[in-house]
Amino acid sequence: MATRARGRPAQCAVSDEDLLDAVLQSFGENGYEGTSVREIARRLEVSHNLIPQRFGSKENLWYAAIDHGFGRIRKDLNREAETLGSDELLIMRGLISSFIKINARHPSILQIINQEASQPGPRLDYVFDRYIKPVRDFGQAWLTRLAEEGRIRPVSVSLFYFLMTHGAGGMLALPALTKRLSKGATPQSKLSVQEEAQTAVEIFFDGLLPR
C-alpha cells in the first residue's frame, strides 16, 4: 500500500469553499500585496502547488475569493428576505440588521472593500461594477419609492451605503481600532452582535423616518 511521503501536504484535503474562506481572510487582513499564496497553503497544511493548480494566478485567486464572498452574502440576504414579509420598509429594516450580522461572521469582504476603495484600479472596478453598482441602483429605486410614499425622508443612496457599510460595518472591518475603542468599556456597553445590529437599525430608522 502506497503512503504519502512524510511531511508532504495532501493535495485534496481542503474544499474550494474552505480554501476560499482562508484566502478571503488573508486578503482582508493583509491586503492584496501583503497576501502570500504560499503562506495560505502553509496555514491550510496543503501543498503550495494546490492553490495555483485550482485557481491559477494570485490575481485569479483574488477574483474567485471575491465572487465567493459576495455570493455568500447575497445568498444569506436572500434567505433572510424570504422571512421578512412584504412591507418594503420592514424588509429594509430587516436586511440592514441581517447585513450586519452576516458580515460579523465573515468581515473579510468589508475589509477588502476598505483597502481597494482608497484608490482607483481594476480590482475596485470589478467589485463596483459587479456587486456595488447593482445594489446602489436597486437601493436608489427603493429609497426613492419609499420617500415618494412619505414613509421615509429623502436620502442620498451614497450616504445610506456608507452609513451601512462603513458606519455600522466599520466595527467589523477595522478590528484593531474597534478593540482600542472598546478598552475601558463597562460590561453593559459591550453588546452582542445581535444587539449591535439592532441598535444600528434603530439609529438608521430614527433618522430615516419623517419628522
N, C-alpha and C. Protein backbone atom coordinates (compact mmCIF):
# COMPACT_ATOMS: atom_id res chain seq x y z
N MET A 1 0.84 -1.20 0.00
CA MET A 1 0.00 0.00 0.00
C MET A 1 0.88 1.25 0.00
N ALA A 2 0.67 2.09 -0.99
CA ALA A 2 1.49 3.30 -1.09
C ALA A 2 1.09 4.30 -0.02
N THR A 3 2.05 5.00 0.51
CA THR A 3 1.79 6.01 1.52
C THR A 3 2.38 7.34 1.06
N ARG A 4 1.77 8.40 1.53
CA ARG A 4 2.26 9.73 1.17
C ARG A 4 3.54 10.02 1.93
N ALA A 5 4.49 10.64 1.27
CA ALA A 5 5.77 10.96 1.90
C ALA A 5 5.54 11.80 3.14
N ARG A 6 6.29 11.51 4.18
CA ARG A 6 6.16 12.23 5.44
C ARG A 6 6.37 13.72 5.23
N GLY A 7 5.48 14.50 5.80
CA GLY A 7 5.59 15.95 5.75
C GLY A 7 5.05 16.57 4.48
N ARG A 8 4.60 15.76 3.52
CA ARG A 8 4.07 16.31 2.27
C ARG A 8 2.58 16.55 2.41
N PRO A 9 2.08 17.77 2.27
CA PRO A 9 0.67 18.05 2.46
C PRO A 9 -0.20 17.33 1.44
N ALA A 10 -1.42 16.99 1.85
CA ALA A 10 -2.37 16.35 0.95
C ALA A 10 -2.84 17.34 -0.09
N GLN A 11 -3.08 16.84 -1.34
CA GLN A 11 -3.47 17.72 -2.42
C GLN A 11 -4.95 18.10 -2.36
N CYS A 12 -5.80 17.23 -1.84
CA CYS A 12 -7.25 17.46 -1.88
C CYS A 12 -7.85 17.46 -0.48
N ALA A 13 -7.06 17.89 0.51
CA ALA A 13 -7.52 17.81 1.88
C ALA A 13 -8.46 18.93 2.26
N VAL A 14 -8.66 19.89 1.38
CA VAL A 14 -9.48 21.05 1.71
C VAL A 14 -10.41 21.35 0.54
N SER A 15 -11.66 21.69 0.86
CA SER A 15 -12.63 22.02 -0.19
C SER A 15 -12.36 23.40 -0.74
N ASP A 16 -12.92 23.68 -1.93
CA ASP A 16 -12.78 25.02 -2.50
C ASP A 16 -13.38 26.07 -1.57
N GLU A 17 -14.51 25.75 -0.92
CA GLU A 17 -15.15 26.72 -0.03
C GLU A 17 -14.25 27.07 1.15
N ASP A 18 -13.69 26.05 1.79
CA ASP A 18 -12.80 26.32 2.92
C ASP A 18 -11.54 27.05 2.47
N LEU A 19 -11.05 26.67 1.31
CA LEU A 19 -9.84 27.33 0.80
C LEU A 19 -10.12 28.81 0.52
N LEU A 20 -11.25 29.10 -0.13
CA LEU A 20 -11.57 30.49 -0.45
C LEU A 20 -11.88 31.30 0.80
N ASP A 21 -12.44 30.66 1.82
CA ASP A 21 -12.63 31.36 3.10
C ASP A 21 -11.28 31.79 3.67
N ALA A 22 -10.31 30.90 3.62
CA ALA A 22 -8.97 31.23 4.13
C ALA A 22 -8.32 32.31 3.27
N VAL A 23 -8.54 32.25 1.97
CA VAL A 23 -7.99 33.26 1.06
C VAL A 23 -8.61 34.63 1.35
N LEU A 24 -9.93 34.67 1.52
CA LEU A 24 -10.60 35.93 1.84
C LEU A 24 -10.07 36.52 3.14
N GLN A 25 -9.89 35.67 4.13
CA GLN A 25 -9.38 36.16 5.41
C GLN A 25 -7.99 36.75 5.25
N SER A 26 -7.16 36.10 4.46
CA SER A 26 -5.80 36.60 4.26
C SER A 26 -5.80 37.92 3.50
N PHE A 27 -6.59 38.01 2.42
CA PHE A 27 -6.67 39.27 1.69
C PHE A 27 -7.26 40.37 2.57
N GLY A 28 -8.25 40.02 3.40
CA GLY A 28 -8.86 41.00 4.28
C GLY A 28 -7.89 41.53 5.33
N GLU A 29 -7.10 40.65 5.89
CA GLU A 29 -6.19 41.03 6.96
C GLU A 29 -4.91 41.69 6.43
N ASN A 30 -4.41 41.22 5.29
CA ASN A 30 -3.08 41.62 4.82
C ASN A 30 -3.08 42.45 3.56
N GLY A 31 -4.24 42.60 2.90
CA GLY A 31 -4.28 43.31 1.64
C GLY A 31 -3.76 42.44 0.50
N TYR A 32 -3.95 42.93 -0.72
CA TYR A 32 -3.54 42.14 -1.89
C TYR A 32 -2.03 41.93 -1.92
N GLU A 33 -1.26 43.00 -1.77
CA GLU A 33 0.19 42.89 -1.86
C GLU A 33 0.77 42.10 -0.70
N GLY A 34 0.14 42.19 0.45
CA GLY A 34 0.68 41.51 1.62
C GLY A 34 0.27 40.05 1.76
N THR A 35 -0.55 39.56 0.85
CA THR A 35 -1.02 38.18 0.92
C THR A 35 -0.08 37.26 0.15
N SER A 36 0.33 36.19 0.81
CA SER A 36 1.20 35.20 0.21
C SER A 36 0.42 33.90 0.00
N VAL A 37 0.39 33.44 -1.25
CA VAL A 37 -0.30 32.18 -1.55
C VAL A 37 0.39 31.02 -0.84
N ARG A 38 1.69 31.06 -0.77
CA ARG A 38 2.42 30.00 -0.05
C ARG A 38 2.05 29.98 1.43
N GLU A 39 1.87 31.16 2.03
CA GLU A 39 1.52 31.23 3.44
C GLU A 39 0.11 30.67 3.67
N ILE A 40 -0.80 30.94 2.75
CA ILE A 40 -2.16 30.39 2.87
C ILE A 40 -2.10 28.86 2.81
N ALA A 41 -1.31 28.34 1.86
CA ALA A 41 -1.17 26.89 1.74
C ALA A 41 -0.55 26.30 3.00
N ARG A 42 0.42 26.99 3.56
CA ARG A 42 1.06 26.52 4.79
C ARG A 42 0.07 26.50 5.94
N ARG A 43 -0.77 27.54 6.02
CA ARG A 43 -1.78 27.61 7.09
C ARG A 43 -2.80 26.47 6.97
N LEU A 44 -3.17 26.15 5.72
CA LEU A 44 -4.15 25.10 5.48
C LEU A 44 -3.53 23.71 5.47
N GLU A 45 -2.20 23.66 5.53
CA GLU A 45 -1.46 22.40 5.52
C GLU A 45 -1.72 21.61 4.24
N VAL A 46 -1.65 22.32 3.12
CA VAL A 46 -1.77 21.68 1.81
C VAL A 46 -0.53 22.03 1.00
N SER A 47 -0.31 21.31 -0.09
CA SER A 47 0.82 21.59 -0.95
C SER A 47 0.75 23.01 -1.48
N HIS A 48 1.90 23.66 -1.61
CA HIS A 48 1.90 25.03 -2.11
C HIS A 48 1.49 25.08 -3.58
N ASN A 49 1.47 23.90 -4.26
CA ASN A 49 1.03 23.85 -5.66
C ASN A 49 -0.48 23.75 -5.79
N LEU A 50 -1.16 23.39 -4.71
CA LEU A 50 -2.61 23.13 -4.79
C LEU A 50 -3.39 24.35 -5.24
N ILE A 51 -3.13 25.51 -4.62
CA ILE A 51 -3.90 26.71 -4.93
C ILE A 51 -3.69 27.15 -6.38
N PRO A 52 -2.44 27.25 -6.87
CA PRO A 52 -2.26 27.60 -8.28
C PRO A 52 -2.90 26.59 -9.23
N GLN A 53 -2.87 25.31 -8.87
CA GLN A 53 -3.48 24.30 -9.72
C GLN A 53 -4.98 24.50 -9.84
N ARG A 54 -5.62 24.91 -8.75
CA ARG A 54 -7.07 25.08 -8.76
C ARG A 54 -7.50 26.43 -9.33
N PHE A 55 -6.75 27.47 -9.05
CA PHE A 55 -7.21 28.83 -9.38
C PHE A 55 -6.27 29.63 -10.26
N GLY A 56 -5.09 29.10 -10.53
CA GLY A 56 -4.17 29.84 -11.39
C GLY A 56 -3.40 30.90 -10.61
N SER A 57 -3.33 32.08 -11.17
CA SER A 57 -2.51 33.15 -10.61
C SER A 57 -3.13 33.72 -9.32
N LYS A 58 -2.33 34.49 -8.62
CA LYS A 58 -2.81 35.19 -7.42
C LYS A 58 -3.95 36.13 -7.79
N GLU A 59 -3.86 36.78 -8.94
CA GLU A 59 -4.92 37.68 -9.39
C GLU A 59 -6.23 36.92 -9.58
N ASN A 60 -6.16 35.76 -10.26
CA ASN A 60 -7.36 34.95 -10.44
C ASN A 60 -7.92 34.49 -9.11
N LEU A 61 -7.02 34.18 -8.18
CA LEU A 61 -7.45 33.74 -6.85
C LEU A 61 -8.23 34.85 -6.14
N TRP A 62 -7.77 36.10 -6.28
CA TRP A 62 -8.47 37.23 -5.65
C TRP A 62 -9.88 37.35 -6.21
N TYR A 63 -10.04 37.27 -7.52
CA TYR A 63 -11.36 37.38 -8.12
C TYR A 63 -12.27 36.23 -7.69
N ALA A 64 -11.72 35.03 -7.62
CA ALA A 64 -12.51 33.87 -7.18
C ALA A 64 -12.96 34.04 -5.73
N ALA A 65 -12.08 34.56 -4.89
CA ALA A 65 -12.42 34.78 -3.49
C ALA A 65 -13.50 35.85 -3.35
N ILE A 66 -13.40 36.92 -4.13
CA ILE A 66 -14.41 37.98 -4.10
C ILE A 66 -15.77 37.43 -4.52
N ASP A 67 -15.81 36.67 -5.60
CA ASP A 67 -17.07 36.08 -6.05
C ASP A 67 -17.65 35.16 -4.98
N HIS A 68 -16.79 34.42 -4.34
CA HIS A 68 -17.24 33.52 -3.26
C HIS A 68 -17.82 34.31 -2.09
N GLY A 69 -17.13 35.36 -1.67
CA GLY A 69 -17.59 36.13 -0.52
C GLY A 69 -18.88 36.87 -0.79
N PHE A 70 -18.97 37.56 -1.92
CA PHE A 70 -20.19 38.28 -2.26
C PHE A 70 -21.34 37.32 -2.53
N GLY A 71 -21.03 36.17 -3.13
CA GLY A 71 -22.07 35.18 -3.38
C GLY A 71 -22.69 34.69 -2.10
N ARG A 72 -21.87 34.51 -1.08
CA ARG A 72 -22.41 34.05 0.21
C ARG A 72 -23.28 35.12 0.85
N ILE A 73 -22.84 36.39 0.79
CA ILE A 73 -23.65 37.47 1.35
C ILE A 73 -25.00 37.54 0.65
N ARG A 74 -24.98 37.48 -0.68
CA ARG A 74 -26.23 37.57 -1.44
C ARG A 74 -27.16 36.40 -1.11
N LYS A 75 -26.60 35.20 -1.01
CA LYS A 75 -27.42 34.02 -0.70
C LYS A 75 -28.03 34.14 0.70
N ASP A 76 -27.23 34.57 1.66
CA ASP A 76 -27.73 34.70 3.03
C ASP A 76 -28.80 35.79 3.13
N LEU A 77 -28.59 36.93 2.43
CA LEU A 77 -29.58 38.01 2.47
C LEU A 77 -30.88 37.59 1.78
N ASN A 78 -30.78 36.87 0.68
CA ASN A 78 -31.99 36.38 0.01
C ASN A 78 -32.77 35.44 0.90
N ARG A 79 -32.05 34.61 1.65
CA ARG A 79 -32.72 33.69 2.58
C ARG A 79 -33.42 34.47 3.68
N GLU A 80 -32.76 35.51 4.20
CA GLU A 80 -33.37 36.32 5.24
C GLU A 80 -34.58 37.07 4.70
N ALA A 81 -34.49 37.58 3.46
CA ALA A 81 -35.59 38.37 2.89
C ALA A 81 -36.88 37.56 2.80
N GLU A 82 -36.75 36.25 2.60
CA GLU A 82 -37.93 35.40 2.48
C GLU A 82 -38.72 35.33 3.77
N THR A 83 -38.12 35.73 4.89
CA THR A 83 -38.80 35.63 6.19
C THR A 83 -39.35 36.97 6.65
N LEU A 84 -39.20 38.03 5.85
CA LEU A 84 -39.49 39.39 6.32
C LEU A 84 -40.83 39.95 5.86
N GLY A 85 -41.64 39.15 5.20
CA GLY A 85 -42.96 39.62 4.79
C GLY A 85 -42.89 40.43 3.51
N SER A 86 -43.88 41.32 3.32
CA SER A 86 -43.99 42.05 2.06
C SER A 86 -43.89 43.57 2.21
N ASP A 87 -43.88 44.09 3.43
CA ASP A 87 -43.77 45.53 3.64
C ASP A 87 -42.34 45.98 3.36
N GLU A 88 -42.17 46.88 2.38
CA GLU A 88 -40.83 47.25 1.96
C GLU A 88 -40.00 47.91 3.04
N LEU A 89 -40.62 48.71 3.89
CA LEU A 89 -39.88 49.38 4.95
C LEU A 89 -39.38 48.37 5.97
N LEU A 90 -40.23 47.40 6.30
CA LEU A 90 -39.82 46.37 7.26
C LEU A 90 -38.77 45.45 6.65
N ILE A 91 -38.87 45.21 5.33
CA ILE A 91 -37.85 44.40 4.67
C ILE A 91 -36.50 45.11 4.74
N MET A 92 -36.50 46.42 4.45
CA MET A 92 -35.25 47.18 4.51
C MET A 92 -34.66 47.13 5.92
N ARG A 93 -35.49 47.31 6.90
CA ARG A 93 -35.03 47.28 8.28
C ARG A 93 -34.41 45.93 8.61
N GLY A 94 -35.10 44.86 8.21
CA GLY A 94 -34.59 43.52 8.49
C GLY A 94 -33.31 43.21 7.76
N LEU A 95 -33.19 43.69 6.51
CA LEU A 95 -31.99 43.39 5.74
C LEU A 95 -30.76 44.13 6.27
N ILE A 96 -30.95 45.33 6.79
CA ILE A 96 -29.81 46.04 7.38
C ILE A 96 -29.30 45.27 8.59
N SER A 97 -30.23 44.82 9.43
CA SER A 97 -29.83 44.03 10.59
C SER A 97 -29.12 42.75 10.16
N SER A 98 -29.68 42.07 9.15
CA SER A 98 -29.07 40.83 8.66
C SER A 98 -27.70 41.09 8.06
N PHE A 99 -27.56 42.21 7.33
CA PHE A 99 -26.28 42.55 6.71
C PHE A 99 -25.19 42.67 7.77
N ILE A 100 -25.50 43.33 8.87
CA ILE A 100 -24.51 43.50 9.94
C ILE A 100 -24.14 42.15 10.55
N LYS A 101 -25.13 41.31 10.81
CA LYS A 101 -24.86 40.01 11.42
C LYS A 101 -24.08 39.09 10.48
N ILE A 102 -24.42 39.12 9.19
CA ILE A 102 -23.71 38.29 8.22
C ILE A 102 -22.25 38.70 8.12
N ASN A 103 -22.00 40.01 8.05
CA ASN A 103 -20.62 40.48 7.94
C ASN A 103 -19.85 40.36 9.24
N ALA A 104 -20.55 40.24 10.36
CA ALA A 104 -19.86 39.97 11.62
C ALA A 104 -19.26 38.57 11.60
N ARG A 105 -19.94 37.65 10.93
CA ARG A 105 -19.41 36.29 10.81
C ARG A 105 -18.27 36.22 9.80
N HIS A 106 -18.35 37.03 8.76
CA HIS A 106 -17.35 37.00 7.69
C HIS A 106 -17.01 38.44 7.29
N PRO A 107 -16.15 39.12 8.05
CA PRO A 107 -15.89 40.55 7.80
C PRO A 107 -14.91 40.83 6.66
N SER A 108 -14.37 39.79 6.03
CA SER A 108 -13.28 39.99 5.07
C SER A 108 -13.69 40.85 3.88
N ILE A 109 -14.93 40.70 3.40
CA ILE A 109 -15.36 41.49 2.24
C ILE A 109 -15.32 42.98 2.56
N LEU A 110 -15.83 43.37 3.73
CA LEU A 110 -15.78 44.78 4.11
C LEU A 110 -14.35 45.27 4.24
N GLN A 111 -13.47 44.43 4.77
CA GLN A 111 -12.07 44.82 4.89
C GLN A 111 -11.43 45.02 3.52
N ILE A 112 -11.75 44.14 2.59
CA ILE A 112 -11.18 44.24 1.24
C ILE A 112 -11.70 45.49 0.53
N ILE A 113 -13.00 45.78 0.68
CA ILE A 113 -13.55 47.00 0.08
C ILE A 113 -12.83 48.22 0.63
N ASN A 114 -12.60 48.26 1.93
CA ASN A 114 -11.88 49.39 2.52
C ASN A 114 -10.51 49.57 1.89
N GLN A 115 -9.82 48.46 1.63
CA GLN A 115 -8.48 48.54 1.04
C GLN A 115 -8.53 49.00 -0.40
N GLU A 116 -9.39 48.38 -1.19
CA GLU A 116 -9.40 48.64 -2.62
C GLU A 116 -10.03 49.98 -2.96
N ALA A 117 -10.91 50.49 -2.11
CA ALA A 117 -11.62 51.73 -2.41
C ALA A 117 -10.80 52.98 -2.15
N SER A 118 -9.60 52.83 -1.63
CA SER A 118 -8.78 54.01 -1.33
C SER A 118 -8.17 54.63 -2.58
N GLN A 119 -8.11 53.89 -3.67
CA GLN A 119 -7.57 54.42 -4.91
C GLN A 119 -8.15 53.63 -6.08
N PRO A 120 -8.20 54.26 -7.28
CA PRO A 120 -8.78 53.55 -8.43
C PRO A 120 -7.89 52.40 -8.88
N GLY A 121 -8.53 51.43 -9.52
CA GLY A 121 -7.78 50.29 -10.01
C GLY A 121 -8.71 49.21 -10.52
N PRO A 122 -8.19 48.21 -11.21
CA PRO A 122 -9.03 47.17 -11.80
C PRO A 122 -9.79 46.33 -10.77
N ARG A 123 -9.21 46.14 -9.59
CA ARG A 123 -9.92 45.34 -8.58
C ARG A 123 -11.13 46.11 -8.04
N LEU A 124 -10.97 47.43 -7.82
CA LEU A 124 -12.11 48.23 -7.41
C LEU A 124 -13.16 48.27 -8.52
N ASP A 125 -12.71 48.40 -9.77
CA ASP A 125 -13.65 48.39 -10.90
C ASP A 125 -14.49 47.12 -10.88
N TYR A 126 -13.85 45.99 -10.64
CA TYR A 126 -14.55 44.71 -10.64
C TYR A 126 -15.60 44.65 -9.53
N VAL A 127 -15.20 45.02 -8.31
CA VAL A 127 -16.13 44.98 -7.18
C VAL A 127 -17.29 45.95 -7.39
N PHE A 128 -16.97 47.15 -7.88
CA PHE A 128 -18.02 48.15 -8.06
C PHE A 128 -18.99 47.74 -9.16
N ASP A 129 -18.47 47.40 -10.33
CA ASP A 129 -19.35 47.11 -11.47
C ASP A 129 -20.17 45.84 -11.25
N ARG A 130 -19.58 44.86 -10.61
CA ARG A 130 -20.25 43.56 -10.48
C ARG A 130 -21.15 43.48 -9.26
N TYR A 131 -20.79 44.19 -8.18
CA TYR A 131 -21.52 43.99 -6.93
C TYR A 131 -22.08 45.28 -6.32
N ILE A 132 -21.29 46.34 -6.26
CA ILE A 132 -21.75 47.54 -5.58
C ILE A 132 -22.75 48.33 -6.42
N LYS A 133 -22.47 48.52 -7.70
CA LYS A 133 -23.36 49.32 -8.54
C LYS A 133 -24.76 48.71 -8.64
N PRO A 134 -24.92 47.41 -8.86
CA PRO A 134 -26.28 46.87 -8.89
C PRO A 134 -27.04 47.10 -7.58
N VAL A 135 -26.36 46.99 -6.45
CA VAL A 135 -27.01 47.26 -5.16
C VAL A 135 -27.34 48.74 -5.05
N ARG A 136 -26.43 49.61 -5.51
CA ARG A 136 -26.67 51.05 -5.50
C ARG A 136 -27.90 51.40 -6.31
N ASP A 137 -28.00 50.85 -7.51
CA ASP A 137 -29.13 51.16 -8.40
C ASP A 137 -30.45 50.64 -7.81
N PHE A 138 -30.42 49.45 -7.28
CA PHE A 138 -31.62 48.88 -6.65
C PHE A 138 -32.02 49.70 -5.43
N GLY A 139 -31.02 50.05 -4.61
CA GLY A 139 -31.29 50.83 -3.41
C GLY A 139 -31.83 52.21 -3.72
N GLN A 140 -31.31 52.83 -4.80
CA GLN A 140 -31.80 54.15 -5.20
C GLN A 140 -33.28 54.10 -5.54
N ALA A 141 -33.68 53.10 -6.31
CA ALA A 141 -35.09 52.97 -6.67
C ALA A 141 -35.94 52.70 -5.43
N TRP A 142 -35.43 51.90 -4.53
CA TRP A 142 -36.16 51.54 -3.31
C TRP A 142 -36.34 52.77 -2.41
N LEU A 143 -35.26 53.49 -2.16
CA LEU A 143 -35.33 54.68 -1.30
C LEU A 143 -36.22 55.76 -1.92
N THR A 144 -36.12 55.94 -3.24
CA THR A 144 -36.95 56.94 -3.91
C THR A 144 -38.42 56.60 -3.78
N ARG A 145 -38.75 55.35 -3.97
CA ARG A 145 -40.14 54.91 -3.88
C ARG A 145 -40.70 55.13 -2.47
N LEU A 146 -39.94 54.77 -1.46
CA LEU A 146 -40.41 54.95 -0.08
C LEU A 146 -40.52 56.42 0.28
N ALA A 147 -39.60 57.25 -0.25
CA ALA A 147 -39.67 58.69 0.02
C ALA A 147 -40.90 59.31 -0.65
N GLU A 148 -41.18 58.89 -1.88
CA GLU A 148 -42.35 59.41 -2.58
C GLU A 148 -43.65 59.02 -1.90
N GLU A 149 -43.64 57.89 -1.22
CA GLU A 149 -44.82 57.46 -0.46
C GLU A 149 -44.92 58.14 0.89
N GLY A 150 -43.89 58.94 1.23
CA GLY A 150 -43.89 59.64 2.50
C GLY A 150 -43.53 58.77 3.69
N ARG A 151 -42.94 57.61 3.42
CA ARG A 151 -42.64 56.68 4.52
C ARG A 151 -41.25 56.92 5.10
N ILE A 152 -40.35 57.54 4.31
CA ILE A 152 -39.04 57.92 4.82
C ILE A 152 -38.71 59.31 4.28
N ARG A 153 -37.70 59.95 4.89
CA ARG A 153 -37.21 61.22 4.37
C ARG A 153 -36.37 60.96 3.13
N PRO A 154 -36.33 61.90 2.19
CA PRO A 154 -35.43 61.74 1.04
C PRO A 154 -33.98 61.60 1.54
N VAL A 155 -33.26 60.65 0.99
CA VAL A 155 -31.89 60.40 1.44
C VAL A 155 -31.05 59.98 0.25
N SER A 156 -29.80 60.42 0.22
CA SER A 156 -28.86 60.02 -0.82
C SER A 156 -28.51 58.55 -0.65
N VAL A 157 -28.58 57.80 -1.74
CA VAL A 157 -28.24 56.39 -1.66
C VAL A 157 -26.77 56.20 -1.32
N SER A 158 -25.90 57.15 -1.75
CA SER A 158 -24.48 57.04 -1.42
C SER A 158 -24.26 57.19 0.08
N LEU A 159 -24.94 58.17 0.69
CA LEU A 159 -24.83 58.35 2.13
C LEU A 159 -25.35 57.12 2.86
N PHE A 160 -26.47 56.60 2.41
CA PHE A 160 -27.05 55.41 3.04
C PHE A 160 -26.07 54.23 2.96
N TYR A 161 -25.45 54.07 1.79
CA TYR A 161 -24.49 52.97 1.61
C TYR A 161 -23.32 53.10 2.58
N PHE A 162 -22.75 54.31 2.66
CA PHE A 162 -21.59 54.49 3.53
C PHE A 162 -21.95 54.32 5.00
N LEU A 163 -23.12 54.81 5.40
CA LEU A 163 -23.52 54.64 6.79
C LEU A 163 -23.69 53.17 7.14
N MET A 164 -24.19 52.39 6.20
CA MET A 164 -24.42 50.98 6.48
C MET A 164 -23.14 50.17 6.44
N THR A 165 -22.33 50.36 5.37
CA THR A 165 -21.16 49.51 5.20
C THR A 165 -19.94 49.99 5.97
N HIS A 166 -19.74 51.30 6.03
CA HIS A 166 -18.54 51.82 6.69
C HIS A 166 -18.85 52.48 8.02
N GLY A 167 -20.15 52.65 8.31
CA GLY A 167 -20.55 53.12 9.63
C GLY A 167 -20.74 51.92 10.53
N ALA A 168 -21.88 51.26 10.39
CA ALA A 168 -22.13 50.05 11.17
C ALA A 168 -21.11 48.97 10.85
N GLY A 169 -20.67 48.91 9.59
CA GLY A 169 -19.71 47.88 9.21
C GLY A 169 -18.29 48.18 9.66
N GLY A 170 -18.02 49.43 10.05
CA GLY A 170 -16.67 49.79 10.44
C GLY A 170 -16.14 49.00 11.62
N MET A 171 -16.99 48.69 12.57
CA MET A 171 -16.54 47.94 13.74
C MET A 171 -16.17 46.51 13.37
N LEU A 172 -16.65 46.03 12.22
CA LEU A 172 -16.32 44.69 11.76
C LEU A 172 -15.08 44.71 10.87
N ALA A 173 -14.98 45.72 10.01
CA ALA A 173 -13.88 45.80 9.05
C ALA A 173 -12.58 46.29 9.67
N LEU A 174 -12.67 46.99 10.80
CA LEU A 174 -11.49 47.59 11.42
C LEU A 174 -11.32 47.05 12.85
N PRO A 175 -10.99 45.76 12.99
CA PRO A 175 -10.95 45.13 14.31
C PRO A 175 -9.94 45.74 15.27
N ALA A 176 -8.78 46.17 14.75
CA ALA A 176 -7.77 46.74 15.66
C ALA A 176 -8.28 48.03 16.29
N LEU A 177 -8.92 48.89 15.48
CA LEU A 177 -9.48 50.13 16.01
C LEU A 177 -10.65 49.84 16.93
N THR A 178 -11.49 48.88 16.56
CA THR A 178 -12.62 48.52 17.40
C THR A 178 -12.15 48.05 18.77
N LYS A 179 -11.07 47.26 18.78
CA LYS A 179 -10.52 46.78 20.05
C LYS A 179 -10.02 47.93 20.90
N ARG A 180 -9.34 48.90 20.27
CA ARG A 180 -8.82 50.06 21.02
C ARG A 180 -9.97 50.89 21.58
N LEU A 181 -11.01 51.10 20.78
CA LEU A 181 -12.15 51.89 21.23
C LEU A 181 -12.89 51.21 22.37
N SER A 182 -12.83 49.88 22.41
CA SER A 182 -13.57 49.12 23.42
C SER A 182 -12.83 49.05 24.75
N LYS A 183 -11.55 49.43 24.78
CA LYS A 183 -10.79 49.37 26.03
C LYS A 183 -11.40 50.30 27.06
N GLY A 184 -11.59 49.78 28.26
CA GLY A 184 -12.16 50.58 29.33
C GLY A 184 -13.67 50.64 29.31
N ALA A 185 -14.30 49.97 28.33
CA ALA A 185 -15.76 49.97 28.28
C ALA A 185 -16.34 49.16 29.42
N THR A 186 -17.46 49.59 29.94
CA THR A 186 -18.12 48.84 31.00
C THR A 186 -18.76 47.59 30.42
N PRO A 187 -18.97 46.55 31.24
CA PRO A 187 -19.60 45.33 30.72
C PRO A 187 -20.93 45.61 30.04
N GLN A 188 -21.71 46.59 30.55
CA GLN A 188 -23.01 46.88 29.98
C GLN A 188 -22.90 47.44 28.56
N SER A 189 -21.75 48.05 28.22
CA SER A 189 -21.61 48.65 26.90
C SER A 189 -21.05 47.69 25.87
N LYS A 190 -20.63 46.51 26.29
CA LYS A 190 -20.10 45.51 25.38
C LYS A 190 -21.27 44.66 24.85
N LEU A 191 -21.83 45.11 23.75
CA LEU A 191 -23.03 44.50 23.23
C LEU A 191 -22.70 43.30 22.33
N SER A 192 -23.63 42.37 22.24
CA SER A 192 -23.50 41.26 21.32
C SER A 192 -23.72 41.77 19.90
N VAL A 193 -23.39 40.95 18.93
CA VAL A 193 -23.60 41.33 17.53
C VAL A 193 -25.07 41.59 17.28
N GLN A 194 -25.94 40.74 17.86
CA GLN A 194 -27.38 40.93 17.69
C GLN A 194 -27.81 42.29 18.23
N GLU A 195 -27.30 42.65 19.39
CA GLU A 195 -27.66 43.94 19.99
C GLU A 195 -27.08 45.10 19.21
N GLU A 196 -25.84 44.94 18.71
CA GLU A 196 -25.23 45.99 17.90
C GLU A 196 -26.04 46.20 16.62
N ALA A 197 -26.45 45.10 16.00
CA ALA A 197 -27.24 45.20 14.77
C ALA A 197 -28.56 45.91 15.04
N GLN A 198 -29.21 45.55 16.14
CA GLN A 198 -30.49 46.17 16.46
C GLN A 198 -30.32 47.66 16.75
N THR A 199 -29.26 48.01 17.48
CA THR A 199 -29.01 49.41 17.77
C THR A 199 -28.74 50.21 16.50
N ALA A 200 -27.95 49.64 15.60
CA ALA A 200 -27.65 50.31 14.33
C ALA A 200 -28.92 50.54 13.53
N VAL A 201 -29.80 49.53 13.48
CA VAL A 201 -31.05 49.65 12.75
C VAL A 201 -31.91 50.76 13.34
N GLU A 202 -31.98 50.82 14.66
CA GLU A 202 -32.78 51.86 15.31
C GLU A 202 -32.24 53.25 14.98
N ILE A 203 -30.91 53.40 14.97
CA ILE A 203 -30.31 54.69 14.64
C ILE A 203 -30.62 55.05 13.19
N PHE A 204 -30.46 54.09 12.28
CA PHE A 204 -30.78 54.33 10.87
C PHE A 204 -32.21 54.82 10.72
N PHE A 205 -33.14 54.10 11.31
CA PHE A 205 -34.53 54.38 11.05
C PHE A 205 -35.06 55.55 11.85
N ASP A 206 -34.45 55.85 12.99
CA ASP A 206 -34.82 57.10 13.68
C ASP A 206 -34.51 58.29 12.79
N GLY A 207 -33.41 58.20 12.02
CA GLY A 207 -33.04 59.28 11.12
C GLY A 207 -33.81 59.28 9.81
N LEU A 208 -34.25 58.09 9.37
CA LEU A 208 -34.92 57.97 8.09
C LEU A 208 -36.40 58.35 8.14
N LEU A 209 -37.03 58.05 9.28
CA LEU A 209 -38.48 58.26 9.35
C LEU A 209 -38.81 59.73 9.30
N PRO A 210 -39.90 60.10 8.65
CA PRO A 210 -40.28 61.51 8.54
C PRO A 210 -40.50 62.12 9.91
N ARG A 211 -40.13 63.40 10.05
CA ARG A 211 -40.33 64.09 11.32
C ARG A 211 -41.78 64.54 11.41
